[in-house]
Structure formats: structure tokens, C-alpha cells
Amino acid sequence: MFEDRKELLKNLIQEDRKDEILGFLDRMYPIDIATVLEEFDDEYLYKFKSFIPIEQMAEIIEQAGEKFQIRFLKLLHYDEIVTFFAYMSNDDIADILGRLPIKIRKALLTMMKSGDTKQIQELLGYAEDSAGGIMTTEYIALKEDLSIADTLKKIKEIGPKTEVIETIYVLNRKKELVGIADLRDILIAPENQKLMDIMNENVVSVKPEEDQEIVAWLVSKYDLNAIPVVNHRNSLLGIVTVDDIIDVIVEEQTEDILRLGGVSKEERVDSSLFTSIRKRLPWLIINLGTAFLASFTVGLFEDVISQVVALAAAMPIVAGMGGNAGSQTLSLVIRSIALGEISLKKNWKLVFKEISLGVINGAFIGIFTGMILYMRYGNPYLGIIIFAAMIGNLVIAGFFGFLIPLILKVLRVDPALASSIFLTTATDVFGFFLFLGLAKMFLPYLL
């Protein structure tokens, strides 16, 4: 279907069939149009722009990916870009400007209206992954002493220019946020009643410096469609809407998954060769260092391995199972940290549950593995060694898989970024040492 849409739109552009292009676009969402346009070269893209209203093109650009936004804007003169910005929300403009070179950004801000420029510069001043960085300044905030009749008039007047209309933010005379009112409650309230009489004073809000992950967690916890951003004086600066929260959740989960694999969130499948080398090689070098630690541990028992070759075949089983068990615990803990469900101070005793789990799972896996090795090599002591080593290594995996991310969180290091390296080192080094140490103790029975 995507290829059919792309070819059809391309043919319509080539044949200058404006009315059919507009009819075709009416049946598509802006994000789907943007996805199709990303496949076009600059010539078709610029020609397409001339066929549709500026307001519709601005909506498409808002929904497009970062690379496409920058590519499209580079096709336009500065005055054309400013015209497009007039139809876009300030938070989206700030996001786009933040990705442009400083020289272009300054030139565009100079050409824009002073009121819009002030708000956009404020948004640009916040970190990209903070509440201030993802908030919008397009909301409805009204005084608490307004009557319901006057409130409805204000909503009709301001509503078309705002991103959220179903939640009204209520301010006192000092312009402090004192409550929120639901549009439904406003519509059914008597017209002579005051806004303060129907507002909810229990407001969940965040500071502009708050990390976007915490903001997303609060919105999810309290089932909000938007969350207000306030300064230290409780003055309303903006709101973070649920559609931005969804983007944050996707971004944070993607980042965690990539970091667990030692990959940067900035890298994509189509990134340049140099970028991929620069992002991946440092972590591979660190992993190489941890691999040498495991190799050194194995080297301490070279004489044992040389006498019992079967040990070399069993070693990967011990290391592999320890790594897998540790990854299970690690994934659960990192996810719980992201959701705010766990901390080292409050939940450290749960490590004993992971230790118990390691004993039980290790015993089950150890019995199964020991029986197979006994049938393969005919030596019961090899089975006993693998049984004991499997229990020990799965206990180690559960212990470190639980504590490493929590300790890294306390040290303000991203658990998703560094946990897997430390966990792999622990399970490999301790697993090999335990297995080969037991083999050395039982060496006379293995020969």
C-alpha cells in the first residue's frame, strides 16, 4: 500500500494535477503523508509544496521526522520558513530551531514576531529531555473569579489557538496555579457560578528542570491528559500533553534497549559508517577488557583443563547460563527503576529472593546438565561439579543482576548503559573460577 501511495502521488505531482493531489491528501493522515514525502527527492518535494495550502504543509512538517524537517526547511528561503512557523505550535518550532545551525536559528528568530520569539527562546533554554524542553505554551489559563458564563466566552475565544481545550488551568490574582477545571464540569455548571467553585485544587505539577522520564511516569500514574509545568513561584510556564508523553515513553524505551546492547540512541540503521564506528567501538573495547579478565581466570587453571579436556566443553554452558539468568534479573530491575517501583534503600532485601531463585533454578538446570555430561563422558564427578557450579553461578547472576543497576542508579549512572558490562564480567569471572576451582578439587576423580 505504501508503494502504491508513493507512486500515485509522484505521478500526480509530475502531471501537475493539483485538485487530485488535494483530494488524495484529504484521505490521509499528516504523518502518513510525511512518511511518503520522505521518499521523494528535493525536486518533487518542492513542487509538492507549491500545490497545497501552507497551513496543511505546516501540519505535515510538524508530524515528520527530524531529518525530513531539516531537509525540507533547507529548500526554503528564510521568509518562507517564518511563514510556515506562523501555522505551527511554539514547542514544535522550538524543537526544529534547536536542530538548526546557530546562524540560521538567530536569523529566523530575528524575523519572527517578538511575542513568539520570547516564548520560543524560553523553550530553547531548557534541556531537550526536561519538562521545559517538551512543554507547550499553548493552553487555556483563566482567573479563578470568572463566572462560568465568562469562562465559556474565553474558551471559545482562546480555544482555536490552543493544543489542549478539555482542561482549563485556574490562576489566582498573583497568577499562581491554584487549580484545574474539566471542560465537562464547566459545561454543566450554572452560568452564575464561579470557576473557583468547580475547580480541583489537587494539582499534580512539575518543575521545568524535571527529567522527561519522571514527567511521563507522573502522567501515567495519575492518568492525566496533560501536566502543568510551574516555576518556583508556582507560576504556570506551560503544559506537557499526553501525545508528547507517548513520544517520551517510546524514546526512553528505545534508548534503554539500545543501551543494554551497548548502542547509542543517536545511531540508526542508516547511520554513516564513521558514526557507527564512533558509537560502537568504545564499548567493544571495554567489553574486550572484561573478556580478558575472564580469559585470565581461565588461564589460572590451564593445567586442570589440559588434563581434563571435557572441562573445556562444559565451560561455555556455565558462563552462558549465568549470563542468561543475570540478564533476566537485570531486565526486570531496570524496568522497575524506570517505572519508579524500586530503589536500593527501600528494596535491597529483595536480593535474597533472587538468591533463592538462583539456588532453585541452578539446581534444576544443574541436575539436567549433569546427567547429560555424565552420559556423554561417563564420569559422575563431572556431573556433580557442573551441578554445584550451576547453582553457584546462577546465585551470582541473581545477586549482581539485582544490585548492579540499583547501585549505578545511586551513583547517578544510567543503569541501562553500564549494567550489562559489569554483569557479564561478574558471571564470567566468578562462574569460571567456581567451576574450574571445583574441578581442581575433584581432579583425582576426573582423571
Protein backbone atom coordinates (compact mmCIF):
# COMPACT_ATOMS: atom_id res chain seq x y z
CA MET A 1 0.00 0.00 0.00
CA PHE A 2 2.84 2.41 0.86
CA GLU A 3 4.50 1.91 -2.53
CA ASP A 4 1.17 2.39 -4.31
CA ARG A 5 0.56 5.65 -2.49
CA LYS A 6 4.06 6.86 -3.22
CA GLU A 7 3.84 6.12 -6.95
CA LEU A 8 0.35 7.61 -7.25
CA LEU A 9 1.33 10.85 -5.50
CA LYS A 10 4.55 11.07 -7.52
CA ASN A 11 2.60 10.75 -10.78
CA LEU A 12 0.07 13.38 -9.69
CA ILE A 13 2.89 15.81 -8.86
CA GLN A 14 4.64 15.11 -12.15
CA GLU A 15 1.45 15.81 -14.10
CA ASP A 16 0.58 18.98 -12.09
CA ARG A 17 -2.85 17.61 -11.08
CA LYS A 18 -3.42 19.88 -8.08
CA ASP A 19 -7.10 19.08 -7.41
CA GLU A 20 -6.45 15.33 -7.41
CA ILE A 21 -3.46 15.84 -5.10
CA LEU A 22 -5.63 17.71 -2.60
CA GLY A 23 -8.32 15.03 -2.81
CA PHE A 24 -5.71 12.32 -2.30
CA LEU A 25 -4.32 14.09 0.79
CA ASP A 26 -7.79 14.51 2.33
CA ARG A 27 -7.94 10.72 2.72
CA MET A 28 -4.59 10.50 4.59
CA TYR A 29 -3.26 11.49 7.99
CA PRO A 30 -0.43 14.09 8.06
CA ILE A 31 2.03 11.54 9.49
CA ASP A 32 1.32 9.14 6.60
CA ILE A 33 1.81 11.94 4.08
CA ALA A 34 5.13 12.85 5.74
CA THR A 35 6.25 9.21 5.54
CA VAL A 36 5.55 9.16 1.79
CA LEU A 37 7.26 12.52 1.20
CA GLU A 38 10.43 11.33 2.94
CA GLU A 39 11.00 9.04 -0.06
CA PHE A 40 10.84 11.91 -2.58
CA ASP A 41 13.85 13.82 -3.83
CA ASP A 42 14.10 17.60 -3.32
CA GLU A 43 12.67 18.48 -6.74
CA TYR A 44 9.39 16.61 -6.17
CA LEU A 45 9.22 17.80 -2.56
CA TYR A 46 9.50 21.47 -3.50
CA LYS A 47 6.94 21.06 -6.27
CA PHE A 48 4.56 19.28 -3.91
CA LYS A 49 4.79 22.23 -1.50
CA SER A 50 3.51 24.60 -4.17
CA PHE A 51 0.30 22.59 -4.65
CA ILE A 52 -1.09 22.59 -1.11
CA PRO A 53 -2.07 25.28 1.43
CA ILE A 54 0.66 26.49 3.77
CA GLU A 55 -1.38 25.50 6.82
CA GLN A 56 -1.66 21.89 5.64
CA MET A 57 2.04 21.71 4.77
CA ALA A 58 2.92 23.06 8.21
CA GLU A 59 0.83 20.29 9.81
CA ILE A 60 2.68 17.68 7.75
CA ILE A 61 6.08 19.11 8.75
CA GLU A 62 5.06 19.04 12.43
CA GLN A 63 4.41 15.30 12.16
CA ALA A 64 7.53 14.46 10.13
CA GLY A 65 10.82 13.04 11.41
CA GLU A 66 13.75 15.25 12.37
CA LYS A 67 15.85 14.60 9.27
CA PHE A 68 12.96 15.32 6.92
CA GLN A 69 12.09 18.55 8.74
CA ILE A 70 15.62 19.89 8.32
CA ARG A 71 15.84 18.74 4.69
CA PHE A 72 12.57 20.46 3.82
CA LEU A 73 13.45 23.74 5.54
CA LYS A 74 16.76 23.91 3.68
CA LEU A 75 14.76 24.09 0.44
CA LEU A 76 13.06 27.32 1.59
CA HIS A 77 14.07 30.96 1.96
CA TYR A 78 14.06 32.39 5.47
CA ASP A 79 10.83 34.35 4.89
CA GLU A 80 9.09 31.16 3.70
CA ILE A 81 10.21 29.30 6.83
CA VAL A 82 8.85 32.08 9.06
CA THR A 83 5.54 31.90 7.19
CA PHE A 84 5.37 28.14 7.88
CA PHE A 85 6.20 28.73 11.55
CA ALA A 86 3.16 31.02 11.84
CA TYR A 87 0.97 27.91 11.48
CA MET A 88 2.93 25.72 13.92
CA SER A 89 2.91 25.45 17.71
CA ASN A 90 5.74 27.11 19.62
CA ASP A 91 7.02 23.88 21.14
CA ASP A 92 7.35 22.28 17.69
CA ILE A 93 9.07 25.42 16.36
CA ALA A 94 11.49 25.32 19.29
CA ASP A 95 12.28 21.65 18.61
CA ILE A 96 13.02 22.39 14.94
CA LEU A 97 15.08 25.51 15.69
CA GLY A 98 17.10 23.54 18.23
CA ARG A 99 18.31 21.23 15.45
CA LEU A 100 19.30 24.03 13.06
CA PRO A 101 22.75 25.67 12.93
CA ILE A 102 23.05 28.67 15.29
CA LYS A 103 23.46 31.14 12.43
CA ILE A 104 20.17 30.06 10.78
CA ARG A 105 18.40 29.91 14.14
CA LYS A 106 19.35 33.50 15.02
CA ALA A 107 18.32 34.78 11.59
CA LEU A 108 14.88 33.15 11.85
CA LEU A 109 14.28 34.37 15.41
CA THR A 110 15.12 37.91 14.29
CA MET A 111 12.46 37.73 11.56
CA MET A 112 9.70 36.34 13.80
CA LYS A 113 7.20 38.24 15.95
CA SER A 114 8.67 39.46 19.23
CA GLY A 115 5.98 37.75 21.37
CA ASP A 116 6.51 34.36 19.75
CA THR A 117 10.29 34.80 19.80
CA LYS A 118 10.32 35.35 23.56
CA GLN A 119 8.37 32.16 24.24
CA ILE A 120 10.45 30.13 21.79
CA GLN A 121 13.74 31.38 23.27
CA GLU A 122 12.49 30.35 26.71
CA LEU A 123 11.71 26.87 25.39
CA LEU A 124 15.13 26.66 23.75
CA GLY A 125 16.73 27.45 27.11
CA TYR A 126 15.57 24.18 28.67
CA ALA A 127 17.28 20.83 28.25
CA GLU A 128 15.79 18.78 25.42
CA ASP A 129 14.90 15.87 27.73
CA SER A 130 13.37 18.00 30.51
CA ALA A 131 9.77 19.04 31.23
CA GLY A 132 10.59 22.55 29.97
CA GLY A 133 12.06 21.12 26.78
CA ILE A 134 8.93 19.18 25.83
CA MET A 135 6.22 21.53 27.14
CA THR A 136 3.93 23.68 25.02
CA THR A 137 2.88 27.24 25.84
CA GLU A 138 -0.47 26.87 24.09
CA TYR A 139 -3.04 26.22 26.81
CA ILE A 140 -6.02 27.92 28.45
CA ALA A 141 -5.41 29.60 31.82
CA LEU A 142 -8.19 31.71 33.36
CA LYS A 143 -8.72 33.68 36.58
CA GLU A 144 -10.47 31.90 39.44
CA ASP A 145 -13.09 34.63 40.00
CA LEU A 146 -14.53 34.37 36.46
CA SER A 147 -18.15 33.32 36.17
CA ILE A 148 -18.97 30.18 34.18
CA ALA A 149 -20.62 32.35 31.51
CA ASP A 150 -17.45 34.44 31.09
CA THR A 151 -15.33 31.29 31.23
CA LEU A 152 -17.19 29.79 28.27
CA LYS A 153 -16.74 33.00 26.29
CA LYS A 154 -12.98 32.92 26.97
CA ILE A 155 -12.74 29.26 25.98
CA LYS A 156 -14.47 29.98 22.65
CA GLU A 157 -12.10 32.89 22.07
CA ILE A 158 -8.83 31.19 23.06
CA GLY A 159 -9.67 27.55 22.24
CA PRO A 160 -8.81 27.54 18.50
CA LYS A 161 -5.25 28.67 19.31
CA THR A 162 -4.52 26.09 21.99
CA GLU A 163 -3.33 22.49 21.95
CA VAL A 164 -5.50 21.30 24.88
CA ILE A 165 -9.04 22.54 25.47
CA GLU A 166 -10.54 19.88 27.75
CA THR A 167 -8.51 21.01 30.79
CA ILE A 168 -8.64 24.63 31.98
CA TYR A 169 -5.90 25.89 34.30
CA VAL A 170 -7.07 28.25 37.05
CA LEU A 171 -4.93 31.14 38.32
CA ASN A 172 -5.32 33.49 41.29
CA ARG A 173 -4.64 37.24 41.28
CA LYS A 174 -0.91 36.61 41.69
CA LYS A 175 -1.04 34.44 38.55
CA GLU A 176 -0.22 31.35 40.59
CA LEU A 177 -1.66 27.99 39.55
CA VAL A 178 -4.32 27.13 42.13
CA GLY A 179 -6.43 24.52 40.39
CA ILE A 180 -7.70 22.84 37.24
CA ALA A 181 -11.21 22.62 35.83
CA ASP A 182 -12.58 19.98 33.47
CA LEU A 183 -14.43 21.29 30.42
CA ARG A 184 -17.28 18.87 31.12
CA ASP A 185 -17.80 20.34 34.61
CA ILE A 186 -17.77 23.85 33.15
CA LEU A 187 -20.40 22.97 30.54
CA ILE A 188 -22.86 21.58 33.10
CA ALA A 189 -22.28 24.22 35.82
CA PRO A 190 -24.72 27.15 36.36
CA GLU A 191 -23.63 30.24 34.44
CA ASN A 192 -23.55 32.46 37.55
CA GLN A 193 -21.23 30.12 39.44
CA LYS A 194 -17.54 31.00 39.81
CA LEU A 195 -14.74 28.99 38.23
CA MET A 196 -13.12 28.55 41.67
CA ASP A 197 -16.24 26.74 42.87
CA ILE A 198 -15.85 23.82 40.44
CA MET A 199 -12.06 23.62 40.14
CA ASN A 200 -9.95 20.79 41.55
CA GLU A 201 -7.31 22.22 43.89
CA ASN A 202 -5.28 18.98 43.98
CA VAL A 203 -2.96 19.75 41.06
CA VAL A 204 -0.10 17.47 40.02
CA SER A 205 2.64 19.63 38.51
CA VAL A 206 6.37 19.51 37.70
CA LYS A 207 9.26 21.96 37.57
CA PRO A 208 10.77 22.77 34.14
CA GLU A 209 14.05 21.05 35.07
CA GLU A 210 12.34 17.71 35.81
CA ASP A 211 13.54 14.82 33.66
CA GLN A 212 11.05 13.82 30.96
CA GLU A 213 11.05 10.23 32.22
CA ILE A 214 9.70 11.39 35.61
CA VAL A 215 7.09 13.52 33.84
CA ALA A 216 5.95 10.50 31.81
CA TRP A 217 5.74 8.39 34.96
CA LEU A 218 3.54 11.00 36.71
CA VAL A 219 1.19 11.30 33.73
CA SER A 220 0.88 7.50 33.63
CA LYS A 221 0.38 7.20 37.40
CA TYR A 222 -2.37 9.81 37.66
CA ASP A 223 -3.99 9.17 34.22
CA LEU A 224 -3.54 12.78 33.10
CA ASN A 225 -4.12 14.13 29.61
CA ALA A 226 -1.68 16.97 30.35
CA ILE A 227 0.54 18.01 33.24
CA PRO A 228 1.33 21.67 34.09
CA VAL A 229 4.90 22.95 34.35
CA VAL A 230 5.42 25.61 37.04
CA ASN A 231 8.36 27.64 38.36
CA HIS A 232 9.43 28.05 41.99
CA ARG A 233 6.72 30.73 42.48
CA ASN A 234 4.08 28.28 41.20
CA SER A 235 3.52 30.39 38.09
CA LEU A 236 2.33 28.40 35.09
CA LEU A 237 5.02 28.16 32.40
CA GLY A 238 3.45 25.58 30.09
CA ILE A 239 1.96 22.11 29.90
CA VAL A 240 3.20 18.73 28.71
CA THR A 241 0.49 16.96 26.70
CA VAL A 242 -0.17 13.24 26.53
CA ASP A 243 0.89 12.99 22.87
CA ASP A 244 4.33 14.27 23.86
CA ILE A 245 4.36 11.81 26.76
CA ILE A 246 3.77 8.93 24.34
CA ASP A 247 6.77 10.12 22.33
CA VAL A 248 8.85 10.26 25.53
CA ILE A 249 7.86 6.71 26.52
CA VAL A 250 8.80 5.37 23.08
CA GLU A 251 12.07 7.34 23.13
CA GLU A 252 13.07 6.22 26.63
CA GLN A 253 12.25 2.57 26.00
CA THR A 254 14.16 2.64 22.72
CA GLU A 255 17.11 4.28 24.46
CA ASP A 256 17.14 1.67 27.25
CA ILE A 257 17.00 -1.23 24.80
CA LEU A 258 19.83 0.22 22.71
CA ARG A 259 21.96 0.96 25.74
CA LEU A 260 21.51 -2.57 27.06
CA GLY A 261 23.15 -3.65 23.82
CA GLY A 262 25.91 -1.05 24.09
CA VAL A 263 24.49 1.05 21.23
CA SER A 264 23.97 4.82 21.31
CA LYS A 265 20.45 6.22 20.91
CA GLU A 266 21.75 8.59 18.22
CA GLU A 267 22.71 5.70 15.92
CA ARG A 268 20.32 4.38 13.29
CA VAL A 269 20.49 1.51 10.81
CA ASP A 270 21.23 4.01 8.03
CA SER A 271 23.85 5.97 10.01
CA SER A 272 27.18 6.56 8.29
CA LEU A 273 29.98 4.02 8.70
CA PHE A 274 32.07 6.54 10.65
CA THR A 275 29.20 7.31 13.05
CA SER A 276 28.60 3.60 13.74
CA ILE A 277 32.31 3.03 14.40
CA ARG A 278 32.49 6.03 16.73
CA LYS A 279 29.41 4.94 18.69
CA ARG A 280 30.14 1.21 18.97
CA LEU A 281 33.92 0.80 19.13
CA PRO A 282 34.43 2.31 22.64
CA TRP A 283 32.00 -0.19 24.17
CA LEU A 284 33.56 -3.07 22.28
CA ILE A 285 36.96 -2.06 23.70
CA ILE A 286 35.51 -2.02 27.22
CA ASN A 287 33.95 -5.44 26.61
CA LEU A 288 37.32 -6.65 25.36
CA GLY A 289 38.83 -5.63 28.69
CA THR A 290 36.23 -7.63 30.62
CA ALA A 291 36.79 -10.60 28.27
CA PHE A 292 40.49 -10.52 29.16
CA LEU A 293 39.53 -10.75 32.85
CA ALA A 294 37.56 -13.92 32.14
CA SER A 295 40.41 -15.23 30.00
CA PHE A 296 42.88 -14.55 32.80
CA THR A 297 40.65 -16.51 35.21
CA VAL A 298 40.59 -19.48 32.83
CA GLY A 299 44.36 -19.21 32.42
CA LEU A 300 44.83 -19.82 36.14
CA PHE A 301 43.53 -23.36 35.59
CA GLU A 302 45.34 -24.27 32.36
CA ASP A 303 46.90 -27.35 33.96
CA VAL A 304 43.49 -28.66 35.04
CA ILE A 305 41.91 -28.09 31.61
CA SER A 306 44.85 -29.74 29.83
CA GLN A 307 44.34 -32.90 31.91
CA VAL A 308 40.52 -33.00 31.59
CA VAL A 309 39.51 -31.85 28.12
CA ALA A 310 35.80 -32.32 28.96
CA LEU A 311 36.01 -29.20 31.13
CA ALA A 312 36.58 -27.04 28.02
CA ALA A 313 33.31 -28.32 26.57
CA ALA A 314 31.39 -27.62 29.78
CA MET A 315 32.76 -24.12 30.46
CA PRO A 316 30.56 -22.28 27.90
CA ILE A 317 27.47 -23.87 29.45
CA VAL A 318 28.26 -22.42 32.89
CA ALA A 319 29.08 -18.97 31.53
CA GLY A 320 26.12 -18.88 29.13
CA MET A 321 23.53 -19.90 31.70
CA GLY A 322 24.90 -17.40 34.22
CA GLY A 323 24.71 -14.61 31.65
CA ASN A 324 21.15 -15.51 30.65
CA ALA A 325 19.91 -15.72 34.24
CA GLY A 326 21.59 -12.42 35.10
CA SER A 327 20.02 -10.73 32.06
CA GLN A 328 16.56 -11.84 33.21
CA THR A 329 17.04 -10.20 36.61
CA LEU A 330 18.72 -7.16 35.06
CA SER A 331 15.84 -6.52 32.66
CA LEU A 332 13.25 -6.70 35.42
CA VAL A 333 15.19 -4.37 37.74
CA ILE A 334 15.95 -1.77 35.06
CA ARG A 335 12.30 -1.73 34.02
CA SER A 336 11.22 -1.34 37.66
CA ILE A 337 13.68 1.53 38.12
CA ALA A 338 12.24 3.27 35.03
CA LEU A 339 8.72 2.94 36.48
CA GLY A 340 9.83 4.20 39.89
CA GLU A 341 8.82 0.94 41.57
CA ILE A 342 12.13 0.07 43.20
CA SER A 343 15.12 1.66 44.96
CA LEU A 344 18.22 0.33 46.71
CA LYS A 345 17.30 1.90 50.04
CA LYS A 346 13.76 0.50 50.24
CA ASN A 347 14.01 -2.77 48.34
CA TRP A 348 17.52 -4.17 48.91
CA LYS A 349 16.10 -7.17 50.78
CA LEU A 350 14.61 -8.45 47.51
CA VAL A 351 18.13 -9.59 46.63
CA PHE A 352 17.51 -12.61 48.86
CA LYS A 353 14.60 -13.60 46.64
CA GLU A 354 16.94 -13.52 43.62
CA ILE A 355 19.50 -15.60 45.53
CA SER A 356 16.81 -18.19 46.38
CA LEU A 357 15.68 -18.17 42.77
CA GLY A 358 19.29 -18.78 41.71
CA VAL A 359 19.54 -21.80 44.02
CA ILE A 360 16.30 -23.37 42.76
CA ASN A 361 16.83 -22.68 39.05
CA GLY A 362 20.50 -23.58 39.34
CA ALA A 363 19.68 -26.92 40.96
CA PHE A 364 17.13 -27.79 38.29
CA ILE A 365 19.39 -26.79 35.39
CA GLY A 366 22.41 -28.33 37.14
CA ILE A 367 20.74 -31.74 37.52
CA PHE A 368 19.69 -31.77 33.87
CA THR A 369 23.15 -30.64 32.66
CA GLY A 370 24.97 -33.03 35.00
CA MET A 371 23.01 -36.03 33.68
CA ILE A 372 23.81 -35.12 30.06
CA LEU A 373 27.55 -34.70 30.82
CA TYR A 374 27.56 -38.00 32.75
CA MET A 375 26.00 -39.81 29.79
CA ARG A 376 28.44 -38.12 27.41
CA TYR A 377 31.69 -38.67 29.35
CA GLY A 378 30.76 -41.45 31.79
CA ASN A 379 32.13 -39.62 34.85
CA PRO A 380 29.64 -38.90 37.70
CA TYR A 381 32.01 -36.41 39.36
CA LEU A 382 31.87 -34.16 36.29
CA GLY A 383 28.10 -34.12 36.72
CA ILE A 384 28.44 -33.21 40.42
CA ILE A 385 30.86 -30.35 39.59
CA ILE A 386 28.58 -28.86 36.92
CA PHE A 387 25.61 -29.18 39.31
CA ALA A 388 27.38 -27.23 42.09
CA ALA A 389 28.86 -24.69 39.65
CA MET A 390 25.47 -24.06 38.03
CA ILE A 391 23.86 -23.30 41.39
CA GLY A 392 26.74 -21.01 42.37
CA ASN A 393 26.79 -19.11 39.09
CA LEU A 394 23.02 -18.56 38.98
CA VAL A 395 23.16 -17.25 42.55
CA ILE A 396 25.95 -14.90 41.48
CA ALA A 397 23.91 -13.86 38.43
CA GLY A 398 20.82 -13.06 40.52
CA PHE A 399 22.86 -11.21 43.15
CA PHE A 400 24.73 -8.96 40.73
CA GLY A 401 21.83 -8.67 38.28
CA PHE A 402 19.73 -7.20 41.09
CA LEU A 403 22.28 -4.96 42.83
CA ILE A 404 24.36 -3.57 39.93
CA PRO A 405 21.62 -1.39 38.33
CA LEU A 406 20.41 -0.14 41.73
CA ILE A 407 23.95 0.83 42.79
CA LEU A 408 24.56 2.55 39.43
CA LYS A 409 21.30 4.49 39.92
CA VAL A 410 22.52 5.70 43.32
CA LEU A 411 25.81 6.75 41.70
CA ARG A 412 23.79 8.66 39.02
CA VAL A 413 25.00 6.40 36.21
CA ASP A 414 22.41 5.18 33.70
CA PRO A 415 21.73 1.53 34.71
CA ALA A 416 20.78 0.56 31.16
CA LEU A 417 24.09 1.85 29.84
CA ALA A 418 26.61 0.14 32.10
CA SER A 419 24.86 -2.74 33.91
CA SER A 420 25.34 -5.41 31.25
CA ILE A 421 29.12 -4.89 31.15
CA PHE A 422 29.53 -5.35 34.90
CA LEU A 423 27.10 -8.26 34.95
CA THR A 424 28.89 -10.12 32.14
CA THR A 425 32.22 -9.63 33.92
CA ALA A 426 30.81 -10.95 37.22
CA THR A 427 29.12 -14.05 35.78
CA ASP A 428 32.07 -14.97 33.54
CA VAL A 429 34.86 -14.39 36.07
CA PHE A 430 33.12 -15.89 39.11
CA GLY A 431 31.46 -18.63 37.04
CA PHE A 432 34.75 -19.83 35.51
CA PHE A 433 36.57 -19.52 38.84
CA LEU A 434 33.90 -21.53 40.66
CA PHE A 435 33.61 -24.25 38.01
CA LEU A 436 37.34 -24.69 37.44
CA GLY A 437 38.09 -24.37 41.16
CA LEU A 438 35.73 -27.26 41.89
CA ALA A 439 37.29 -29.24 39.03
CA LYS A 440 40.72 -28.74 40.55
CA MET A 441 39.46 -30.02 43.92
CA PHE A 442 37.98 -33.12 42.27
CA LEU A 443 40.82 -33.57 39.80
CA PRO A 444 41.90 -37.04 41.05
CA TYR A 445 38.34 -38.30 40.42
CA LEU A 446 38.18 -36.83 36.92
CA LEU A 447 41.30 -38.50 35.56
